N, C-alpha and C. Protein backbone atom coordinates (compact mmCIF):
# COMPACT_ATOMS: atom_id res chain seq x y z
N MET A 1 19.00 -19.27 17.29
CA MET A 1 18.69 -17.97 17.31
C MET A 1 18.38 -17.49 18.98
N GLU A 2 18.75 -16.60 19.49
CA GLU A 2 18.37 -15.87 20.43
C GLU A 2 17.01 -15.06 20.30
N ASN A 3 16.08 -15.48 21.22
CA ASN A 3 14.72 -14.75 20.73
C ASN A 3 14.34 -13.82 21.95
N GLU A 4 14.58 -12.74 21.82
CA GLU A 4 13.99 -11.68 22.67
C GLU A 4 12.91 -10.86 21.91
N VAL A 5 11.59 -11.12 22.45
CA VAL A 5 10.48 -10.62 21.82
C VAL A 5 9.84 -9.65 22.67
N VAL A 6 9.62 -8.37 22.25
CA VAL A 6 8.88 -7.35 22.93
C VAL A 6 7.67 -6.91 22.17
N LEU A 7 6.68 -6.76 22.79
CA LEU A 7 5.41 -6.10 22.04
C LEU A 7 5.21 -4.56 22.75
N LEU A 8 5.02 -3.83 21.88
CA LEU A 8 4.59 -2.34 22.22
C LEU A 8 3.04 -2.43 21.96
N ASP A 9 2.31 -2.31 23.01
CA ASP A 9 0.96 -2.72 23.05
C ASP A 9 0.13 -1.48 23.50
N PHE A 10 -1.23 -1.41 23.24
CA PHE A 10 -2.25 -0.77 24.00
C PHE A 10 -3.43 -1.59 24.24
N TRP A 11 -3.85 -1.82 25.42
CA TRP A 11 -4.62 -2.82 25.46
C TRP A 11 -6.09 -3.08 25.01
N PRO A 12 -6.80 -1.72 24.60
CA PRO A 12 -7.84 -1.87 23.77
C PRO A 12 -7.63 -1.93 22.15
N SER A 13 -6.43 -1.90 21.78
CA SER A 13 -6.18 -1.99 20.27
C SER A 13 -6.47 -3.34 19.52
N SER A 14 -7.32 -3.39 18.76
CA SER A 14 -7.79 -4.67 18.01
C SER A 14 -6.53 -5.00 17.14
N PHE A 15 -5.71 -4.18 16.77
CA PHE A 15 -4.46 -4.41 15.99
C PHE A 15 -3.63 -5.07 16.69
N ALA A 16 -3.35 -4.59 18.16
CA ALA A 16 -2.47 -5.08 19.03
C ALA A 16 -2.92 -6.55 19.51
N MET A 17 -4.19 -6.82 19.65
CA MET A 17 -4.66 -8.19 20.01
C MET A 17 -4.30 -9.18 18.96
N ARG A 18 -4.38 -8.81 17.67
CA ARG A 18 -3.84 -9.68 16.54
C ARG A 18 -2.69 -10.38 16.81
N VAL A 19 -1.54 -9.56 17.36
CA VAL A 19 -0.34 -10.06 17.53
C VAL A 19 -0.25 -10.88 18.65
N LYS A 20 -1.02 -10.49 19.71
CA LYS A 20 -1.05 -11.33 21.08
C LYS A 20 -1.53 -12.74 20.57
N ILE A 21 -2.55 -12.80 19.76
CA ILE A 21 -3.24 -14.13 19.53
C ILE A 21 -2.27 -14.89 18.58
N ALA A 22 -1.46 -14.35 17.63
CA ALA A 22 -0.56 -14.93 16.95
C ALA A 22 0.59 -15.58 17.70
N LEU A 23 1.23 -14.82 18.51
CA LEU A 23 2.16 -15.06 19.51
C LEU A 23 1.83 -16.15 20.23
N GLY A 24 0.52 -16.17 20.68
CA GLY A 24 -0.17 -17.32 21.65
C GLY A 24 -0.18 -18.50 20.98
N GLU A 25 -0.66 -18.58 19.84
CA GLU A 25 -0.82 -19.69 18.80
C GLU A 25 0.65 -20.38 18.55
N LYS A 26 1.51 -19.44 18.57
CA LYS A 26 2.88 -20.05 18.27
C LYS A 26 3.63 -20.50 19.49
N GLY A 27 3.05 -20.09 20.66
CA GLY A 27 3.59 -20.47 21.71
C GLY A 27 4.95 -19.66 22.24
N ILE A 28 5.13 -18.23 21.76
CA ILE A 28 6.24 -17.56 21.84
C ILE A 28 5.99 -16.74 23.04
N LYS A 29 7.19 -16.77 23.77
CA LYS A 29 7.23 -15.88 25.05
C LYS A 29 7.45 -14.74 24.81
N TYR A 30 7.05 -13.46 25.23
CA TYR A 30 7.48 -12.16 25.01
C TYR A 30 6.99 -11.14 25.92
N LYS A 31 7.62 -10.11 26.08
CA LYS A 31 7.36 -8.94 27.05
C LYS A 31 6.44 -7.94 26.41
N CYS A 32 5.47 -7.67 27.18
CA CYS A 32 4.43 -6.72 26.67
C CYS A 32 4.62 -5.33 27.51
N LYS A 33 4.83 -4.40 26.69
CA LYS A 33 4.94 -2.94 27.26
C LYS A 33 3.73 -2.08 26.72
N GLN A 34 3.04 -1.50 27.69
CA GLN A 34 1.80 -0.80 27.34
C GLN A 34 2.20 0.55 27.00
N GLU A 35 1.54 1.19 26.14
CA GLU A 35 1.97 2.51 25.57
C GLU A 35 0.70 3.46 26.01
N ASP A 36 0.97 4.74 26.33
CA ASP A 36 0.06 5.83 26.50
C ASP A 36 -0.02 6.67 25.09
N LEU A 37 -1.21 6.25 24.21
CA LEU A 37 -0.94 6.82 22.94
C LEU A 37 -1.15 8.40 23.00
N PHE A 38 -1.62 9.13 24.22
CA PHE A 38 -1.58 10.53 24.22
C PHE A 38 -0.24 10.87 24.88
N ASN A 39 0.73 9.93 25.10
CA ASN A 39 1.95 10.55 25.65
C ASN A 39 2.98 9.27 24.99
N LYS A 40 3.27 9.38 24.05
CA LYS A 40 4.10 8.18 23.37
C LYS A 40 5.57 8.07 23.87
N SER A 41 5.83 7.02 24.13
CA SER A 41 7.14 6.66 24.81
C SER A 41 8.26 6.95 23.76
N PRO A 42 9.42 7.29 24.28
CA PRO A 42 10.71 7.65 23.30
C PRO A 42 10.91 6.10 22.63
N LEU A 43 10.73 5.03 23.27
CA LEU A 43 10.81 3.68 22.65
C LEU A 43 9.92 3.43 21.26
N LEU A 44 8.58 3.68 21.53
CA LEU A 44 7.75 3.74 20.27
C LEU A 44 8.10 4.64 19.11
N LEU A 45 8.58 5.96 19.53
CA LEU A 45 8.89 6.93 18.59
C LEU A 45 10.24 6.32 17.88
N GLU A 46 11.03 5.68 18.56
CA GLU A 46 12.39 5.15 17.98
C GLU A 46 12.04 4.03 17.15
N MET A 47 11.14 3.00 17.54
CA MET A 47 10.87 1.98 16.94
C MET A 47 9.97 2.17 15.69
N ASN A 48 9.13 2.94 15.65
CA ASN A 48 7.92 3.20 14.52
C ASN A 48 8.09 4.71 14.34
N PRO A 49 9.20 5.29 13.67
CA PRO A 49 9.41 6.70 13.71
C PRO A 49 8.34 7.28 12.41
N ILE A 50 8.07 6.34 11.35
CA ILE A 50 7.13 6.76 10.29
C ILE A 50 5.78 7.05 10.71
N HIS A 51 5.05 5.87 11.39
CA HIS A 51 3.68 6.12 11.87
C HIS A 51 3.39 6.27 13.32
N LYS A 52 4.21 6.00 14.00
CA LYS A 52 4.28 6.51 15.62
C LYS A 52 3.25 5.70 16.22
N LYS A 53 2.79 4.52 15.73
CA LYS A 53 1.65 3.71 16.21
C LYS A 53 1.98 2.31 16.64
N ILE A 54 1.12 1.83 17.61
CA ILE A 54 1.41 0.44 18.00
C ILE A 54 0.40 -0.46 17.07
N PRO A 55 0.69 -1.57 16.98
CA PRO A 55 1.58 -2.53 17.59
C PRO A 55 2.88 -2.39 16.90
N VAL A 56 3.88 -2.56 17.70
CA VAL A 56 5.19 -2.70 17.21
C VAL A 56 5.83 -4.19 17.75
N LEU A 57 6.43 -4.92 16.86
CA LEU A 57 6.99 -6.40 17.53
C LEU A 57 8.50 -5.99 17.40
N ILE A 58 9.19 -6.06 18.36
CA ILE A 58 10.66 -5.95 18.42
C ILE A 58 11.30 -7.46 18.65
N HIS A 59 11.90 -7.74 17.64
CA HIS A 59 12.64 -9.01 17.77
C HIS A 59 13.94 -8.87 17.52
N ASN A 60 14.65 -9.47 18.77
CA ASN A 60 16.01 -9.25 18.76
C ASN A 60 16.63 -7.71 18.43
N GLY A 61 15.64 -6.79 18.80
CA GLY A 61 16.12 -5.49 18.62
C GLY A 61 15.73 -5.07 17.39
N LYS A 62 15.13 -5.63 16.50
CA LYS A 62 14.56 -5.06 15.20
C LYS A 62 13.08 -5.01 15.33
N PRO A 63 12.57 -3.66 14.82
CA PRO A 63 11.37 -3.57 14.95
C PRO A 63 10.42 -3.97 13.69
N ILE A 64 9.40 -4.38 13.85
CA ILE A 64 8.28 -4.66 12.82
C ILE A 64 7.14 -3.95 13.11
N SER A 65 6.46 -3.33 12.17
CA SER A 65 5.41 -2.49 12.26
C SER A 65 4.26 -2.94 11.42
N GLU A 66 2.85 -2.34 11.67
CA GLU A 66 1.72 -2.87 10.98
C GLU A 66 1.32 -4.23 11.34
N SER A 67 0.19 -4.30 11.82
CA SER A 67 -0.17 -5.71 12.39
C SER A 67 -0.23 -6.84 11.42
N LEU A 68 -0.76 -6.56 10.10
CA LEU A 68 -0.93 -7.63 9.23
C LEU A 68 0.62 -8.33 8.57
N ILE A 69 1.35 -7.17 8.63
CA ILE A 69 2.92 -7.32 8.45
C ILE A 69 3.54 -8.18 9.53
N ILE A 70 3.13 -7.95 10.71
CA ILE A 70 3.67 -8.54 11.83
C ILE A 70 3.26 -9.98 11.90
N LEU A 71 1.89 -10.22 11.54
CA LEU A 71 1.47 -11.55 11.50
C LEU A 71 2.05 -12.32 10.44
N GLN A 72 2.38 -11.93 9.25
CA GLN A 72 3.11 -12.75 8.30
C GLN A 72 4.49 -13.04 8.77
N TYR A 73 5.18 -12.02 9.56
CA TYR A 73 6.60 -12.06 10.01
C TYR A 73 6.53 -13.23 11.09
N ILE A 74 5.52 -13.09 11.81
CA ILE A 74 5.43 -14.06 13.05
C ILE A 74 5.52 -15.69 12.44
N ASP A 75 4.42 -15.77 11.35
CA ASP A 75 4.12 -17.04 10.57
C ASP A 75 5.42 -17.60 9.98
N GLN A 76 6.16 -16.68 9.35
CA GLN A 76 7.46 -17.28 8.70
C GLN A 76 8.60 -17.38 9.82
N VAL A 77 8.79 -16.75 10.65
CA VAL A 77 9.84 -17.10 11.62
C VAL A 77 9.51 -18.05 12.48
N TRP A 78 8.46 -18.14 12.96
CA TRP A 78 7.82 -19.30 13.99
C TRP A 78 7.18 -20.37 13.06
N ASN A 79 7.57 -20.88 12.18
CA ASN A 79 6.92 -21.83 11.34
C ASN A 79 6.59 -23.20 11.85
N HIS A 80 7.03 -23.47 13.06
CA HIS A 80 7.06 -24.86 13.58
C HIS A 80 5.60 -25.46 13.98
N LYS A 81 4.60 -24.51 14.13
CA LYS A 81 3.21 -24.82 14.34
C LYS A 81 2.22 -23.84 14.12
N SER A 82 1.14 -24.25 14.24
CA SER A 82 -0.03 -23.40 13.86
C SER A 82 0.22 -22.26 12.84
N PRO A 83 0.20 -22.78 11.62
CA PRO A 83 0.43 -22.10 10.39
C PRO A 83 -0.81 -20.92 10.25
N LEU A 84 -0.62 -19.66 10.13
CA LEU A 84 -1.58 -18.65 9.97
C LEU A 84 -2.06 -18.58 8.47
N LEU A 85 -1.04 -18.69 7.62
CA LEU A 85 -1.39 -18.40 6.15
C LEU A 85 -1.24 -19.84 5.42
N PRO A 86 -2.20 -20.00 4.34
CA PRO A 86 -2.17 -21.24 3.62
C PRO A 86 -0.75 -21.35 2.87
N SER A 87 -0.26 -22.60 2.60
CA SER A 87 0.94 -22.69 1.78
C SER A 87 0.60 -22.48 0.34
N ASP A 88 -0.65 -22.98 -0.28
CA ASP A 88 -0.97 -22.73 -1.53
C ASP A 88 -1.08 -21.25 -1.84
N PRO A 89 -0.36 -20.75 -3.04
CA PRO A 89 -0.28 -19.35 -3.25
C PRO A 89 -1.57 -18.76 -3.49
N TYR A 90 -2.50 -19.58 -4.09
CA TYR A 90 -3.89 -18.81 -4.49
C TYR A 90 -4.69 -18.74 -3.17
N GLN A 91 -4.67 -19.70 -2.28
CA GLN A 91 -5.45 -19.71 -0.95
C GLN A 91 -4.84 -18.59 -0.21
N ARG A 92 -3.58 -18.55 -0.24
CA ARG A 92 -2.68 -17.53 0.46
C ARG A 92 -3.17 -16.03 0.05
N SER A 93 -3.35 -15.81 -1.09
CA SER A 93 -3.67 -14.55 -1.83
C SER A 93 -5.20 -14.14 -1.40
N GLN A 94 -5.95 -15.24 -1.32
CA GLN A 94 -7.48 -14.90 -0.97
C GLN A 94 -7.43 -14.57 0.46
N ALA A 95 -6.73 -15.42 1.33
CA ALA A 95 -6.68 -14.96 2.83
C ALA A 95 -6.24 -13.46 3.18
N LEU A 96 -5.03 -13.24 2.33
CA LEU A 96 -4.65 -11.65 2.60
C LEU A 96 -5.54 -10.73 2.13
N PHE A 97 -6.25 -11.09 0.99
CA PHE A 97 -7.39 -10.01 0.42
C PHE A 97 -8.18 -9.89 1.56
N TRP A 98 -8.86 -10.79 2.05
CA TRP A 98 -9.83 -10.61 3.22
C TRP A 98 -9.26 -10.00 4.29
N ALA A 99 -7.96 -10.31 4.89
CA ALA A 99 -7.34 -9.84 5.89
C ALA A 99 -7.20 -8.05 5.61
N ASP A 100 -7.00 -7.78 4.37
CA ASP A 100 -6.58 -6.34 4.12
C ASP A 100 -8.12 -5.66 3.93
N TYR A 101 -9.16 -6.46 3.51
CA TYR A 101 -10.58 -5.85 3.48
C TYR A 101 -10.99 -5.43 4.90
N ILE A 102 -10.69 -6.46 5.74
CA ILE A 102 -10.95 -6.12 7.43
C ILE A 102 -10.33 -4.85 7.76
N ASP A 103 -8.95 -4.73 7.38
CA ASP A 103 -8.08 -3.58 7.70
C ASP A 103 -8.61 -2.28 7.30
N LYS A 104 -9.20 -2.40 6.18
CA LYS A 104 -9.54 -1.12 5.35
C LYS A 104 -10.96 -0.83 5.90
N LYS A 105 -11.77 -1.41 6.44
CA LYS A 105 -13.22 -1.29 6.64
C LYS A 105 -13.65 -1.08 8.05
N ILE A 106 -13.14 -2.03 8.97
CA ILE A 106 -14.02 -2.28 10.14
C ILE A 106 -13.41 -1.07 11.11
N TYR A 107 -12.29 -0.96 11.45
CA TYR A 107 -11.80 0.10 12.48
C TYR A 107 -12.36 1.48 12.12
N GLY A 108 -12.27 1.98 10.83
CA GLY A 108 -12.70 3.45 10.69
C GLY A 108 -14.33 3.53 10.51
N ILE A 109 -14.99 2.44 10.10
CA ILE A 109 -16.33 2.48 10.39
C ILE A 109 -16.94 2.51 11.64
N GLY A 110 -16.29 1.38 12.39
CA GLY A 110 -16.70 1.34 13.83
C GLY A 110 -16.53 2.54 14.55
N ARG A 111 -15.41 3.37 14.42
CA ARG A 111 -15.03 4.37 14.95
C ARG A 111 -16.18 5.57 14.90
N ARG A 112 -16.74 5.68 13.68
CA ARG A 112 -17.56 6.49 13.41
C ARG A 112 -19.01 6.14 14.04
N VAL A 113 -19.13 4.77 14.29
CA VAL A 113 -20.41 4.32 14.91
C VAL A 113 -20.44 4.83 16.47
N TRP A 114 -19.31 4.47 17.07
CA TRP A 114 -19.24 4.94 18.67
C TRP A 114 -18.97 6.24 18.88
N MET A 115 -18.42 7.06 18.13
CA MET A 115 -18.41 8.48 18.13
C MET A 115 -19.89 9.07 18.16
N GLY A 116 -20.68 8.64 17.37
CA GLY A 116 -22.13 9.13 17.51
C GLY A 116 -22.19 10.45 17.00
N LYS A 117 -21.54 10.79 15.94
CA LYS A 117 -21.60 12.05 15.29
C LYS A 117 -22.77 11.95 14.15
N GLU A 118 -22.96 13.02 13.49
CA GLU A 118 -24.09 13.24 12.67
C GLU A 118 -24.15 11.88 11.67
N ASP A 119 -23.09 11.47 11.28
CA ASP A 119 -22.96 10.30 10.16
C ASP A 119 -23.23 8.90 10.83
N GLN A 120 -23.79 8.97 11.91
CA GLN A 120 -23.84 7.50 12.76
C GLN A 120 -24.66 6.64 12.01
N GLU A 121 -25.89 7.01 11.47
CA GLU A 121 -26.81 6.11 10.82
C GLU A 121 -26.10 5.61 9.58
N GLU A 122 -25.46 6.42 8.80
CA GLU A 122 -24.74 6.02 7.52
C GLU A 122 -23.66 5.00 7.80
N ALA A 123 -22.98 5.26 9.05
CA ALA A 123 -21.88 4.34 9.42
C ALA A 123 -22.33 3.09 9.99
N LYS A 124 -23.70 2.99 10.63
CA LYS A 124 -24.17 1.76 10.99
C LYS A 124 -24.55 1.05 9.82
N GLU A 125 -24.98 1.36 8.79
CA GLU A 125 -25.30 0.71 7.65
C GLU A 125 -24.29 0.13 6.88
N GLU A 126 -23.12 1.02 6.98
CA GLU A 126 -21.91 0.58 6.29
C GLU A 126 -21.32 -0.58 6.97
N LEU A 127 -21.28 -0.32 8.29
CA LEU A 127 -20.76 -1.56 9.16
C LEU A 127 -21.50 -2.71 8.84
N MET A 128 -22.81 -2.63 8.82
CA MET A 128 -23.64 -3.99 8.95
C MET A 128 -23.25 -4.47 7.47
N GLN A 129 -23.29 -3.67 6.43
CA GLN A 129 -22.90 -4.33 4.84
C GLN A 129 -21.64 -5.07 5.19
N CYS A 130 -20.65 -4.32 5.64
CA CYS A 130 -19.23 -4.91 5.60
C CYS A 130 -19.27 -6.19 6.51
N LEU A 131 -20.01 -6.30 7.63
CA LEU A 131 -20.04 -7.46 8.31
C LEU A 131 -20.94 -8.79 7.81
N LYS A 132 -21.89 -8.33 7.02
CA LYS A 132 -22.86 -9.15 6.30
C LYS A 132 -21.91 -9.94 5.24
N THR A 133 -21.07 -9.11 4.62
CA THR A 133 -20.00 -9.61 3.59
C THR A 133 -19.34 -10.64 4.08
N LEU A 134 -18.55 -10.26 5.33
CA LEU A 134 -17.85 -11.35 6.00
C LEU A 134 -18.64 -12.46 6.55
N ASP A 135 -19.93 -12.37 6.95
CA ASP A 135 -20.82 -13.31 7.33
C ASP A 135 -21.08 -14.36 6.12
N ARG A 136 -21.22 -13.71 4.89
CA ARG A 136 -21.42 -14.73 3.70
C ARG A 136 -20.16 -15.30 3.46
N GLU A 137 -18.85 -14.77 3.51
CA GLU A 137 -17.66 -15.24 3.27
C GLU A 137 -17.46 -16.56 4.04
N LEU A 138 -17.76 -16.27 5.56
CA LEU A 138 -17.50 -17.38 6.49
C LEU A 138 -18.32 -18.45 5.99
N GLY A 139 -19.74 -18.31 5.71
CA GLY A 139 -20.60 -19.49 5.26
C GLY A 139 -20.68 -20.58 6.33
N ASP A 140 -20.63 -21.70 5.95
CA ASP A 140 -20.92 -22.82 7.07
C ASP A 140 -19.47 -23.38 7.49
N LYS A 141 -18.36 -22.57 7.25
CA LYS A 141 -17.09 -23.00 7.74
C LYS A 141 -17.12 -22.78 9.14
N LEU A 142 -16.19 -23.63 9.84
CA LEU A 142 -16.06 -23.38 11.35
C LEU A 142 -15.17 -22.10 11.52
N TYR A 143 -14.17 -22.08 10.57
CA TYR A 143 -13.38 -20.68 10.82
C TYR A 143 -13.13 -20.24 9.28
N PHE A 144 -12.58 -19.18 9.21
CA PHE A 144 -12.25 -18.50 8.08
C PHE A 144 -11.18 -19.33 7.34
N GLY A 145 -10.33 -19.83 8.34
CA GLY A 145 -9.21 -20.64 7.90
C GLY A 145 -9.56 -22.18 7.62
N GLY A 146 -10.87 -22.48 7.68
CA GLY A 146 -11.24 -23.78 7.55
C GLY A 146 -11.58 -24.62 8.82
N GLN A 147 -10.84 -25.71 9.01
CA GLN A 147 -11.11 -26.35 10.24
C GLN A 147 -10.19 -25.71 11.46
N ASN A 148 -9.42 -24.81 11.26
CA ASN A 148 -8.41 -24.11 12.42
C ASN A 148 -8.55 -22.71 11.87
N ILE A 149 -8.27 -21.73 13.06
CA ILE A 149 -8.07 -20.42 12.60
C ILE A 149 -6.69 -20.11 11.90
N GLY A 150 -6.90 -19.08 11.13
CA GLY A 150 -6.03 -18.60 10.27
C GLY A 150 -5.90 -17.10 10.13
N VAL A 151 -5.10 -16.36 9.39
CA VAL A 151 -4.95 -14.90 9.46
C VAL A 151 -5.97 -14.23 9.19
N VAL A 152 -7.17 -14.69 8.51
CA VAL A 152 -8.31 -13.83 8.55
C VAL A 152 -9.17 -13.84 9.86
N ASP A 153 -9.16 -14.96 10.39
CA ASP A 153 -9.68 -15.13 11.88
C ASP A 153 -9.01 -14.17 12.78
N VAL A 154 -7.86 -14.31 12.80
CA VAL A 154 -6.87 -13.37 13.63
C VAL A 154 -6.94 -12.05 13.47
N ALA A 155 -7.26 -11.61 12.27
CA ALA A 155 -7.35 -10.26 11.75
C ALA A 155 -8.70 -9.75 12.32
N LEU A 156 -9.78 -10.49 12.14
CA LEU A 156 -11.15 -10.09 12.55
C LEU A 156 -11.68 -10.38 14.05
N VAL A 157 -11.11 -11.22 14.54
CA VAL A 157 -12.08 -11.56 15.86
C VAL A 157 -11.45 -10.63 17.21
N PRO A 158 -10.47 -9.88 16.88
CA PRO A 158 -10.28 -8.71 18.14
C PRO A 158 -11.52 -7.66 17.99
N PHE A 159 -11.84 -7.46 16.82
CA PHE A 159 -12.98 -6.28 16.74
C PHE A 159 -14.26 -6.81 17.31
N THR A 160 -14.43 -8.25 17.52
CA THR A 160 -15.57 -8.71 17.96
C THR A 160 -15.92 -8.18 19.54
N THR A 161 -14.83 -7.87 20.10
CA THR A 161 -14.81 -7.41 21.69
C THR A 161 -15.38 -6.04 21.63
N TRP A 162 -15.28 -5.29 20.53
CA TRP A 162 -15.94 -3.98 20.36
C TRP A 162 -17.35 -4.06 19.95
N PHE A 163 -17.84 -5.06 19.52
CA PHE A 163 -19.36 -5.10 18.98
C PHE A 163 -20.24 -4.65 20.01
N TYR A 164 -20.03 -4.82 21.19
CA TYR A 164 -21.05 -4.51 22.30
C TYR A 164 -20.80 -2.89 22.34
N SER A 165 -19.77 -2.33 22.13
CA SER A 165 -19.78 -0.83 22.21
C SER A 165 -20.47 -0.20 20.93
N TYR A 166 -20.12 -0.80 19.80
CA TYR A 166 -20.83 -0.46 18.63
C TYR A 166 -22.40 -0.45 18.72
N GLU A 167 -22.75 -1.53 18.97
CA GLU A 167 -24.28 -1.74 19.38
C GLU A 167 -24.84 -0.91 20.37
N THR A 168 -24.28 -0.78 21.53
CA THR A 168 -24.66 0.25 22.71
C THR A 168 -24.68 1.62 22.17
N CYS A 169 -23.58 2.01 21.43
CA CYS A 169 -23.53 3.46 21.03
C CYS A 169 -24.43 3.67 19.89
N GLY A 170 -24.62 2.61 19.19
CA GLY A 170 -25.47 2.83 17.90
C GLY A 170 -26.95 2.36 17.97
N ASN A 171 -27.20 1.56 19.06
CA ASN A 171 -28.65 1.34 19.44
C ASN A 171 -28.96 0.20 18.19
N PHE A 172 -28.34 -0.84 17.98
CA PHE A 172 -28.54 -1.85 16.95
C PHE A 172 -27.95 -3.08 17.19
N SER A 173 -28.52 -4.18 16.59
CA SER A 173 -27.87 -5.53 16.92
C SER A 173 -27.06 -6.14 15.61
N ILE A 174 -25.87 -6.31 15.97
CA ILE A 174 -25.09 -6.99 14.88
C ILE A 174 -25.48 -8.61 14.89
N GLU A 175 -25.99 -9.28 15.99
CA GLU A 175 -26.14 -10.67 15.72
C GLU A 175 -27.57 -10.87 14.79
N ALA A 176 -28.40 -9.86 14.99
CA ALA A 176 -29.51 -9.97 14.17
C ALA A 176 -29.21 -10.19 12.54
N GLY A 177 -28.23 -9.56 12.20
CA GLY A 177 -28.01 -9.52 10.99
C GLY A 177 -26.69 -10.49 10.43
N CYS A 178 -26.24 -10.86 11.48
CA CYS A 178 -24.95 -11.54 11.19
C CYS A 178 -24.67 -12.64 12.07
N PRO A 179 -25.71 -13.71 12.25
CA PRO A 179 -25.60 -14.54 13.18
C PRO A 179 -24.43 -15.50 13.22
N LYS A 180 -24.17 -15.99 11.85
CA LYS A 180 -22.95 -16.89 11.75
C LYS A 180 -21.77 -16.32 12.29
N LEU A 181 -21.51 -14.91 12.11
CA LEU A 181 -20.60 -14.26 12.68
C LEU A 181 -20.16 -14.15 13.89
N VAL A 182 -21.41 -13.96 14.64
CA VAL A 182 -21.32 -13.92 16.05
C VAL A 182 -21.05 -15.26 16.61
N ALA A 183 -21.72 -16.36 15.84
CA ALA A 183 -21.47 -17.55 16.69
C ALA A 183 -20.04 -17.98 16.51
N TRP A 184 -19.37 -17.65 15.29
CA TRP A 184 -18.00 -17.88 15.04
C TRP A 184 -17.05 -17.22 16.10
N ALA A 185 -17.42 -16.05 16.37
CA ALA A 185 -16.74 -15.35 17.23
C ALA A 185 -16.72 -15.97 18.64
N LYS A 186 -17.91 -16.49 19.09
CA LYS A 186 -17.92 -17.05 20.47
C LYS A 186 -17.06 -18.54 20.20
N ARG A 187 -17.22 -19.23 19.14
CA ARG A 187 -16.41 -20.41 18.86
C ARG A 187 -14.98 -20.22 19.08
N CYS A 188 -14.39 -19.07 18.33
CA CYS A 188 -12.97 -18.70 18.45
C CYS A 188 -12.46 -18.60 20.07
N LYS A 189 -13.46 -17.83 20.80
CA LYS A 189 -13.15 -17.66 22.07
C LYS A 189 -13.14 -18.90 22.96
N GLU A 190 -14.02 -19.72 22.46
CA GLU A 190 -14.24 -20.94 23.43
C GLU A 190 -13.11 -22.08 23.11
N ASN A 191 -12.69 -22.02 21.95
CA ASN A 191 -11.92 -23.23 21.41
C ASN A 191 -10.40 -22.68 21.30
N TYR A 192 -10.05 -21.34 21.46
CA TYR A 192 -8.67 -21.09 21.27
C TYR A 192 -8.28 -20.01 22.69
N GLN A 193 -7.40 -20.78 23.39
CA GLN A 193 -6.95 -19.93 24.55
C GLN A 193 -6.29 -18.68 24.27
N SER A 194 -5.58 -18.77 23.04
CA SER A 194 -4.93 -17.41 22.71
C SER A 194 -5.89 -16.34 22.26
N VAL A 195 -6.94 -16.65 21.71
CA VAL A 195 -8.07 -15.74 21.66
C VAL A 195 -8.72 -15.07 22.97
N SER A 196 -9.11 -16.05 23.81
CA SER A 196 -9.78 -15.82 25.03
C SER A 196 -8.76 -14.86 25.90
N GLU A 197 -7.47 -15.10 25.79
CA GLU A 197 -6.52 -14.41 26.79
C GLU A 197 -6.17 -13.17 26.07
N ALA A 198 -6.29 -12.90 24.81
CA ALA A 198 -5.85 -11.69 23.96
C ALA A 198 -7.12 -10.69 24.11
N LEU A 199 -8.15 -11.04 24.30
CA LEU A 199 -9.37 -10.24 24.11
C LEU A 199 -9.85 -9.62 25.41
N PRO A 200 -9.84 -8.45 25.59
CA PRO A 200 -10.45 -7.88 26.95
C PRO A 200 -11.97 -8.01 26.81
N HIS A 201 -12.63 -7.99 28.13
CA HIS A 201 -13.99 -8.22 28.17
C HIS A 201 -14.64 -6.96 27.37
N PRO A 202 -15.76 -7.25 26.83
CA PRO A 202 -16.46 -6.10 26.03
C PRO A 202 -17.00 -4.96 27.05
N LEU A 203 -17.17 -5.39 28.20
CA LEU A 203 -17.59 -4.29 29.14
C LEU A 203 -16.31 -3.16 29.57
N GLN A 204 -15.26 -4.01 29.50
CA GLN A 204 -13.98 -3.08 29.51
C GLN A 204 -13.63 -2.06 28.45
N ILE A 205 -13.95 -2.71 27.20
CA ILE A 205 -13.86 -1.97 26.09
C ILE A 205 -14.91 -0.80 25.95
N TYR A 206 -16.07 -1.01 26.57
CA TYR A 206 -17.12 0.10 26.58
C TYR A 206 -16.68 1.29 27.52
N GLU A 207 -16.21 0.78 28.65
CA GLU A 207 -15.92 1.70 29.39
C GLU A 207 -14.79 2.59 29.09
N TYR A 208 -13.91 2.02 28.38
CA TYR A 208 -12.72 2.80 27.69
C TYR A 208 -13.36 3.81 26.78
N VAL A 209 -14.34 3.23 25.94
CA VAL A 209 -15.07 3.97 24.92
C VAL A 209 -15.66 5.34 25.58
N MET A 210 -16.42 5.04 26.74
CA MET A 210 -17.02 6.10 27.42
C MET A 210 -15.88 7.18 27.84
N GLU A 211 -15.00 6.54 28.37
CA GLU A 211 -13.80 7.58 28.97
C GLU A 211 -13.33 8.40 27.64
N LEU A 212 -12.93 7.67 26.50
CA LEU A 212 -12.63 8.38 25.39
C LEU A 212 -13.42 9.36 24.88
N LYS A 213 -14.75 8.96 24.77
CA LYS A 213 -15.65 10.10 24.43
C LYS A 213 -15.76 11.44 25.06
N LYS A 214 -15.54 11.12 26.48
CA LYS A 214 -15.44 12.40 27.35
C LYS A 214 -14.18 13.10 27.16
N ARG A 215 -13.22 12.53 26.96
CA ARG A 215 -11.91 13.08 26.56
C ARG A 215 -11.78 13.74 25.27
N LEU A 216 -12.70 13.27 24.25
CA LEU A 216 -12.77 14.04 23.02
C LEU A 216 -13.94 15.14 22.85
N GLY A 217 -14.75 15.07 24.14
CA GLY A 217 -15.78 16.07 24.13
C GLY A 217 -16.94 15.59 23.38
N LEU A 218 -17.22 14.41 23.30
CA LEU A 218 -18.35 13.65 22.53
C LEU A 218 -19.54 13.64 23.46
N VAL A 219 -19.54 13.59 24.71
CA VAL A 219 -20.62 13.38 25.60
C VAL A 219 -20.63 14.52 26.41
């Protein structure tokens, strides 16, 4: 099969970072096209006409949207190495449960924290409760996937590069409440080149957040 792989990306997006990690783990070569989400390209609108969002993976001209669906697609198509999902049906269902939990919680709550509106204190509490839940789920394991990273690790670790922005905008410490989770994030970056290459520096994210807040009239 000819493999032409294109990723429609936006560099600060945790959802797009997931796809880059997965492609990196599988050793897949791809072209990365940056999108301006305030001025979306005709290609993005054509490839994802329903949600009009990134990331979109275009494989041999066929688009796949929504990051968790993309991760499952990558794992099934390129199943020669670095499995992201367990083969056991029950373990697979549990991994997908936690990936879905991350999807439904972190981005929306984190956005309320960095935006700094009147519900920021409530959002900070919600975020910490969510992260503490994940901290407990990780427990004493090296990774959510066990001895190696899996889909839950790939789903969550991109948000850790946003932690500095959450903490700075909200004036609190994630590490104080979730030490295992912060240690896990460092371990992912140190031990997996795919992670370290996909995640921008936290200060780059913070600069982006400050620019976005100005653009939205929040500062």
